[in-house]
Structure formats: structure tokens, C-alpha cells
Amino acid sequence: MSVGDATSARRLEVGGIGLNVLDDGEGPAVLLLHGFPDSLDLWRHQVPALTGSGFRVVGHDWGAALALRRDDWRFFREAFGGGGDLDRYIEDLSRPGRLTAGLNWYRA
């Protein structure tokens, strides 16, 4: 994973789906989401600015999505289809409160 100068990455299982997760900095959490077929690297310029401004930056890669057939995209809805699922994601990262930035789930 290449996201700016961030070096805090780990593997996380959420709802039976393995994700590469970025977790860098301290302070209020900023959850960075990206759409298909982008990767977490989309945020490479924002990560250093956010961590330098006192935020904890959390993001994940949908890397496995690139190998999915179009009819398997239901995996996105099942894993992160609603706000409750994102809340569970934050809980698993052990931080209350968050500021969320995101893009569309799919490109047109």
C-alpha cells in the first residue's frame, strides 16, 4: 500500500472480508472511502496533510474488488451498505467519533 508517507497499515477482517487498512496519526478519526475501481492511493496527497493537522486517518483498500465479477458486486452492499456497517468498522478500529470523507461507490 502506497499512501503518502503513511506506514501504519494492517490487515483487518470485517464481515468475513479481508481489507488492507491504513491507520495513521492521532486525534479525531477521518475515515477515507473510495469507489470502484480506485484504491486507497487515491488519498495519497490528503493523508500527510490530515495527519499533520492532528487527525487520525483511517482508510481501507477494496483491492479484492478488482477480481470480482460484476454480478458479485453485492459484496459492497453487504459489507458496507449502510451506516450501521460503517459504525461497526469504526468500532473494530477502537475509536469513538469520526469525520467521514468519501467518494462514490462505483464509477459511471
N, C-alpha and C. Protein backbone atom coordinates (compact mmCIF):
# COMPACT_ATOMS: atom_id res chain seq x y z
N MET A 1 0.85 -1.17 0.00
CA MET A 1 0.00 0.00 0.00
C MET A 1 0.90 1.23 0.00
N SER A 2 0.67 2.14 -0.91
CA SER A 2 1.47 3.35 -1.00
C SER A 2 0.58 4.56 -0.82
N VAL A 3 0.56 5.11 0.37
CA VAL A 3 -0.29 6.26 0.65
C VAL A 3 0.55 7.33 1.33
N GLY A 4 1.07 8.25 0.54
CA GLY A 4 1.90 9.30 1.10
C GLY A 4 3.05 8.72 1.90
N ASP A 5 3.30 9.28 3.06
CA ASP A 5 4.36 8.79 3.94
C ASP A 5 3.81 7.87 5.03
N ALA A 6 2.54 7.51 4.95
CA ALA A 6 1.93 6.67 5.98
C ALA A 6 2.54 5.28 6.00
N THR A 7 2.82 4.79 7.19
CA THR A 7 3.42 3.47 7.31
C THR A 7 2.60 2.54 8.19
N SER A 8 1.51 3.03 8.78
CA SER A 8 0.71 2.23 9.69
C SER A 8 -0.41 1.52 8.94
N ALA A 9 -0.12 0.33 8.45
CA ALA A 9 -1.13 -0.44 7.73
C ALA A 9 -1.24 -1.81 8.37
N ARG A 10 -2.45 -2.40 8.29
CA ARG A 10 -2.64 -3.74 8.82
C ARG A 10 -3.76 -4.41 8.05
N ARG A 11 -3.92 -5.69 8.28
CA ARG A 11 -4.97 -6.50 7.66
C ARG A 11 -6.10 -6.62 8.67
N LEU A 12 -7.34 -6.42 8.23
CA LEU A 12 -8.50 -6.43 9.10
C LEU A 12 -9.59 -7.28 8.47
N GLU A 13 -10.27 -8.09 9.27
CA GLU A 13 -11.40 -8.88 8.79
C GLU A 13 -12.69 -8.20 9.26
N VAL A 14 -13.54 -7.82 8.32
CA VAL A 14 -14.82 -7.19 8.63
C VAL A 14 -15.90 -7.94 7.87
N GLY A 15 -16.82 -8.53 8.59
CA GLY A 15 -17.90 -9.27 7.94
C GLY A 15 -17.39 -10.38 7.04
N GLY A 16 -16.28 -11.00 7.41
CA GLY A 16 -15.72 -12.09 6.61
C GLY A 16 -14.93 -11.63 5.41
N ILE A 17 -14.71 -10.33 5.27
CA ILE A 17 -13.97 -9.78 4.13
C ILE A 17 -12.65 -9.22 4.64
N GLY A 18 -11.55 -9.64 4.03
CA GLY A 18 -10.24 -9.13 4.42
C GLY A 18 -9.94 -7.81 3.73
N LEU A 19 -9.52 -6.82 4.51
CA LEU A 19 -9.20 -5.50 3.97
C LEU A 19 -7.80 -5.08 4.39
N ASN A 20 -7.09 -4.39 3.50
CA ASN A 20 -5.87 -3.70 3.88
C ASN A 20 -6.31 -2.36 4.45
N VAL A 21 -5.85 -2.05 5.65
CA VAL A 21 -6.33 -0.86 6.35
C VAL A 21 -5.17 0.06 6.69
N LEU A 22 -5.35 1.34 6.41
CA LEU A 22 -4.41 2.38 6.81
C LEU A 22 -4.91 2.96 8.12
N ASP A 23 -4.02 3.14 9.07
CA ASP A 23 -4.38 3.72 10.37
C ASP A 23 -3.17 4.52 10.82
N ASP A 24 -3.20 5.84 10.62
CA ASP A 24 -2.04 6.68 10.86
C ASP A 24 -2.45 7.97 11.56
N GLY A 25 -1.62 8.45 12.46
CA GLY A 25 -1.86 9.71 13.15
C GLY A 25 -2.65 9.53 14.43
N GLU A 26 -2.87 10.65 15.11
CA GLU A 26 -3.62 10.67 16.36
C GLU A 26 -4.60 11.83 16.32
N GLY A 27 -5.69 11.68 17.08
CA GLY A 27 -6.72 12.71 17.13
C GLY A 27 -8.03 12.18 16.61
N PRO A 28 -8.97 13.08 16.28
CA PRO A 28 -10.25 12.65 15.73
C PRO A 28 -10.04 11.85 14.44
N ALA A 29 -10.82 10.79 14.27
CA ALA A 29 -10.63 9.91 13.11
C ALA A 29 -11.30 10.46 11.86
N VAL A 30 -10.59 10.37 10.75
CA VAL A 30 -11.11 10.69 9.43
C VAL A 30 -11.11 9.38 8.66
N LEU A 31 -12.29 8.90 8.28
CA LEU A 31 -12.41 7.65 7.53
C LEU A 31 -12.46 7.98 6.05
N LEU A 32 -11.46 7.52 5.30
CA LEU A 32 -11.38 7.79 3.87
C LEU A 32 -11.92 6.61 3.09
N LEU A 33 -12.94 6.85 2.28
CA LEU A 33 -13.57 5.81 1.46
C LEU A 33 -13.27 6.11 -0.01
N HIS A 34 -13.24 5.08 -0.82
CA HIS A 34 -13.06 5.29 -2.25
C HIS A 34 -14.00 4.39 -3.03
N GLY A 35 -14.23 4.77 -4.27
CA GLY A 35 -15.12 3.99 -5.13
C GLY A 35 -14.35 3.02 -6.00
N PHE A 36 -15.09 2.18 -6.68
CA PHE A 36 -14.52 1.20 -7.60
C PHE A 36 -14.19 1.90 -8.91
N PRO A 37 -13.09 1.71 -9.53
CA PRO A 37 -12.03 0.77 -9.22
C PRO A 37 -10.82 1.42 -8.57
N ASP A 38 -11.00 2.54 -7.89
CA ASP A 38 -9.89 3.23 -7.25
C ASP A 38 -9.31 2.42 -6.10
N SER A 39 -8.23 2.93 -5.53
CA SER A 39 -7.61 2.31 -4.37
C SER A 39 -7.37 3.39 -3.32
N LEU A 40 -6.91 2.98 -2.17
CA LEU A 40 -6.61 3.91 -1.09
C LEU A 40 -5.57 4.94 -1.52
N ASP A 41 -4.77 4.60 -2.52
CA ASP A 41 -3.76 5.52 -3.01
C ASP A 41 -4.38 6.81 -3.56
N LEU A 42 -5.67 6.80 -3.84
CA LEU A 42 -6.39 7.99 -4.27
C LEU A 42 -6.19 9.14 -3.28
N TRP A 43 -6.02 8.80 -2.01
CA TRP A 43 -5.92 9.79 -0.93
C TRP A 43 -4.47 10.14 -0.57
N ARG A 44 -3.49 9.74 -1.38
CA ARG A 44 -2.08 9.87 -1.01
C ARG A 44 -1.66 11.30 -0.69
N HIS A 45 -2.29 12.29 -1.32
CA HIS A 45 -1.91 13.68 -1.04
C HIS A 45 -2.60 14.23 0.21
N GLN A 46 -3.76 13.68 0.54
CA GLN A 46 -4.50 14.17 1.70
C GLN A 46 -4.01 13.59 3.02
N VAL A 47 -3.50 12.35 2.99
CA VAL A 47 -3.09 11.69 4.24
C VAL A 47 -2.05 12.50 5.01
N PRO A 48 -0.93 12.92 4.39
CA PRO A 48 0.05 13.69 5.15
C PRO A 48 -0.51 15.02 5.67
N ALA A 49 -1.37 15.67 4.89
CA ALA A 49 -1.97 16.93 5.33
C ALA A 49 -2.88 16.72 6.54
N LEU A 50 -3.67 15.65 6.51
CA LEU A 50 -4.58 15.37 7.62
C LEU A 50 -3.84 14.96 8.89
N THR A 51 -2.86 14.05 8.76
CA THR A 51 -2.11 13.64 9.96
C THR A 51 -1.30 14.81 10.50
N GLY A 52 -0.79 15.66 9.61
CA GLY A 52 -0.04 16.84 10.04
C GLY A 52 -0.91 17.88 10.72
N SER A 53 -2.23 17.80 10.50
CA SER A 53 -3.17 18.73 11.13
C SER A 53 -3.81 18.16 12.39
N GLY A 54 -3.30 17.01 12.86
CA GLY A 54 -3.78 16.45 14.12
C GLY A 54 -4.93 15.47 14.01
N PHE A 55 -5.11 14.87 12.84
CA PHE A 55 -6.17 13.88 12.67
C PHE A 55 -5.59 12.48 12.60
N ARG A 56 -6.39 11.52 12.99
CA ARG A 56 -6.09 10.11 12.78
C ARG A 56 -6.75 9.73 11.45
N VAL A 57 -5.99 9.21 10.51
CA VAL A 57 -6.51 8.86 9.20
C VAL A 57 -6.68 7.35 9.10
N VAL A 58 -7.90 6.94 8.79
CA VAL A 58 -8.24 5.53 8.66
C VAL A 58 -8.82 5.34 7.27
N GLY A 59 -8.36 4.32 6.59
CA GLY A 59 -8.89 4.02 5.26
C GLY A 59 -8.69 2.56 4.94
N HIS A 60 -9.36 2.08 3.92
CA HIS A 60 -9.23 0.67 3.53
C HIS A 60 -9.15 0.58 2.01
N ASP A 61 -8.58 -0.50 1.56
CA ASP A 61 -8.48 -0.79 0.13
C ASP A 61 -9.51 -1.84 -0.25
N TRP A 62 -10.22 -1.60 -1.32
CA TRP A 62 -11.12 -2.60 -1.89
C TRP A 62 -10.35 -3.43 -2.89
N GLY A 63 -9.12 -3.77 -2.59
CA GLY A 63 -8.26 -4.48 -3.53
C GLY A 63 -8.87 -5.73 -4.12
N ALA A 64 -9.58 -6.50 -3.30
CA ALA A 64 -10.18 -7.74 -3.79
C ALA A 64 -11.27 -7.47 -4.81
N ALA A 65 -11.83 -6.28 -4.81
CA ALA A 65 -12.93 -5.97 -5.72
C ALA A 65 -12.51 -6.04 -7.17
N LEU A 66 -11.26 -5.80 -7.45
CA LEU A 66 -10.80 -5.82 -8.84
C LEU A 66 -10.93 -7.21 -9.45
N ALA A 67 -10.92 -8.24 -8.62
CA ALA A 67 -11.01 -9.61 -9.12
C ALA A 67 -12.45 -10.12 -9.19
N LEU A 68 -13.39 -9.33 -8.70
CA LEU A 68 -14.78 -9.77 -8.67
C LEU A 68 -15.46 -9.61 -10.02
N ARG A 69 -16.36 -10.52 -10.32
CA ARG A 69 -17.21 -10.34 -11.49
C ARG A 69 -18.25 -9.28 -11.16
N ARG A 70 -18.78 -8.63 -12.18
CA ARG A 70 -19.77 -7.57 -11.96
C ARG A 70 -20.95 -8.06 -11.11
N ASP A 71 -21.41 -9.29 -11.30
CA ASP A 71 -22.55 -9.79 -10.53
C ASP A 71 -22.19 -10.12 -9.09
N ASP A 72 -20.92 -10.05 -8.74
CA ASP A 72 -20.50 -10.26 -7.35
C ASP A 72 -20.37 -8.95 -6.58
N TRP A 73 -20.70 -7.83 -7.18
CA TRP A 73 -20.53 -6.54 -6.52
C TRP A 73 -21.47 -6.37 -5.34
N ARG A 74 -22.41 -7.30 -5.15
CA ARG A 74 -23.29 -7.24 -3.98
C ARG A 74 -22.46 -7.25 -2.69
N PHE A 75 -21.22 -7.73 -2.79
CA PHE A 75 -20.30 -7.76 -1.64
C PHE A 75 -20.14 -6.37 -1.03
N PHE A 76 -20.15 -5.31 -1.86
CA PHE A 76 -20.03 -3.94 -1.34
C PHE A 76 -21.23 -3.60 -0.46
N ARG A 77 -22.42 -3.89 -0.96
CA ARG A 77 -23.63 -3.56 -0.20
C ARG A 77 -23.70 -4.37 1.08
N GLU A 78 -23.32 -5.63 1.01
CA GLU A 78 -23.40 -6.49 2.19
C GLU A 78 -22.36 -6.10 3.24
N ALA A 79 -21.20 -5.66 2.80
CA ALA A 79 -20.13 -5.32 3.74
C ALA A 79 -20.29 -3.91 4.31
N PHE A 80 -20.58 -2.94 3.45
CA PHE A 80 -20.62 -1.53 3.88
C PHE A 80 -21.82 -0.79 3.32
N GLY A 81 -22.94 -1.48 3.17
CA GLY A 81 -24.10 -0.90 2.52
C GLY A 81 -24.84 0.14 3.33
N GLY A 82 -24.70 0.16 4.63
CA GLY A 82 -25.45 1.10 5.44
C GLY A 82 -24.60 1.71 6.52
N GLY A 83 -25.11 2.76 7.15
CA GLY A 83 -24.38 3.45 8.20
C GLY A 83 -23.99 2.55 9.36
N GLY A 84 -24.85 1.57 9.68
CA GLY A 84 -24.54 0.65 10.78
C GLY A 84 -23.28 -0.14 10.51
N ASP A 85 -23.07 -0.52 9.24
CA ASP A 85 -21.87 -1.27 8.90
C ASP A 85 -20.62 -0.41 9.07
N LEU A 86 -20.70 0.85 8.69
CA LEU A 86 -19.56 1.74 8.89
C LEU A 86 -19.31 1.97 10.37
N ASP A 87 -20.37 2.03 11.17
CA ASP A 87 -20.19 2.15 12.62
C ASP A 87 -19.43 0.94 13.17
N ARG A 88 -19.77 -0.26 12.68
CA ARG A 88 -19.06 -1.46 13.14
C ARG A 88 -17.59 -1.41 12.73
N TYR A 89 -17.33 -0.86 11.56
CA TYR A 89 -15.95 -0.71 11.08
C TYR A 89 -15.18 0.19 12.05
N ILE A 90 -15.76 1.32 12.41
CA ILE A 90 -15.12 2.24 13.35
C ILE A 90 -14.93 1.57 14.71
N GLU A 91 -15.95 0.86 15.19
CA GLU A 91 -15.83 0.16 16.47
C GLU A 91 -14.68 -0.83 16.44
N ASP A 92 -14.52 -1.55 15.33
CA ASP A 92 -13.44 -2.52 15.23
C ASP A 92 -12.09 -1.83 15.29
N LEU A 93 -12.03 -0.61 14.83
CA LEU A 93 -10.79 0.16 14.89
C LEU A 93 -10.61 0.81 16.25
N SER A 94 -11.56 0.60 17.16
CA SER A 94 -11.48 1.01 18.57
C SER A 94 -11.40 2.51 18.79
N ARG A 95 -12.14 3.27 18.02
CA ARG A 95 -12.18 4.71 18.24
C ARG A 95 -13.61 5.23 18.15
N PRO A 96 -14.06 5.94 19.17
CA PRO A 96 -15.37 6.58 19.05
C PRO A 96 -15.25 7.88 18.25
N GLY A 97 -16.32 8.30 17.65
CA GLY A 97 -16.35 9.56 16.92
C GLY A 97 -15.59 9.50 15.62
N ARG A 98 -16.05 10.22 14.63
CA ARG A 98 -15.35 10.23 13.36
C ARG A 98 -15.86 11.37 12.48
N LEU A 99 -15.02 11.70 11.54
CA LEU A 99 -15.36 12.62 10.46
C LEU A 99 -15.15 11.79 9.21
N THR A 100 -16.13 11.71 8.34
CA THR A 100 -16.04 10.82 7.19
C THR A 100 -15.93 11.60 5.89
N ALA A 101 -14.98 11.22 5.06
CA ALA A 101 -14.86 11.76 3.71
C ALA A 101 -14.99 10.59 2.76
N GLY A 102 -15.65 10.76 1.64
CA GLY A 102 -15.79 9.62 0.74
C GLY A 102 -16.12 10.02 -0.68
N LEU A 103 -16.03 9.05 -1.55
CA LEU A 103 -16.39 9.20 -2.96
C LEU A 103 -17.49 8.21 -3.28
N ASN A 104 -17.93 8.24 -4.53
CA ASN A 104 -18.97 7.29 -4.94
C ASN A 104 -18.46 5.86 -4.85
N TRP A 105 -19.38 4.91 -4.67
CA TRP A 105 -19.00 3.51 -4.56
C TRP A 105 -18.58 2.93 -5.90
N TYR A 106 -19.15 3.41 -6.99
CA TYR A 106 -18.83 2.89 -8.32
C TYR A 106 -18.60 4.04 -9.27
N ARG A 107 -17.74 3.83 -10.23
CA ARG A 107 -17.57 4.83 -11.29
C ARG A 107 -18.61 4.59 -12.37
N ALA A 108 -19.06 5.66 -12.97
CA ALA A 108 -20.04 5.52 -14.07
C ALA A 108 -19.32 5.16 -15.35
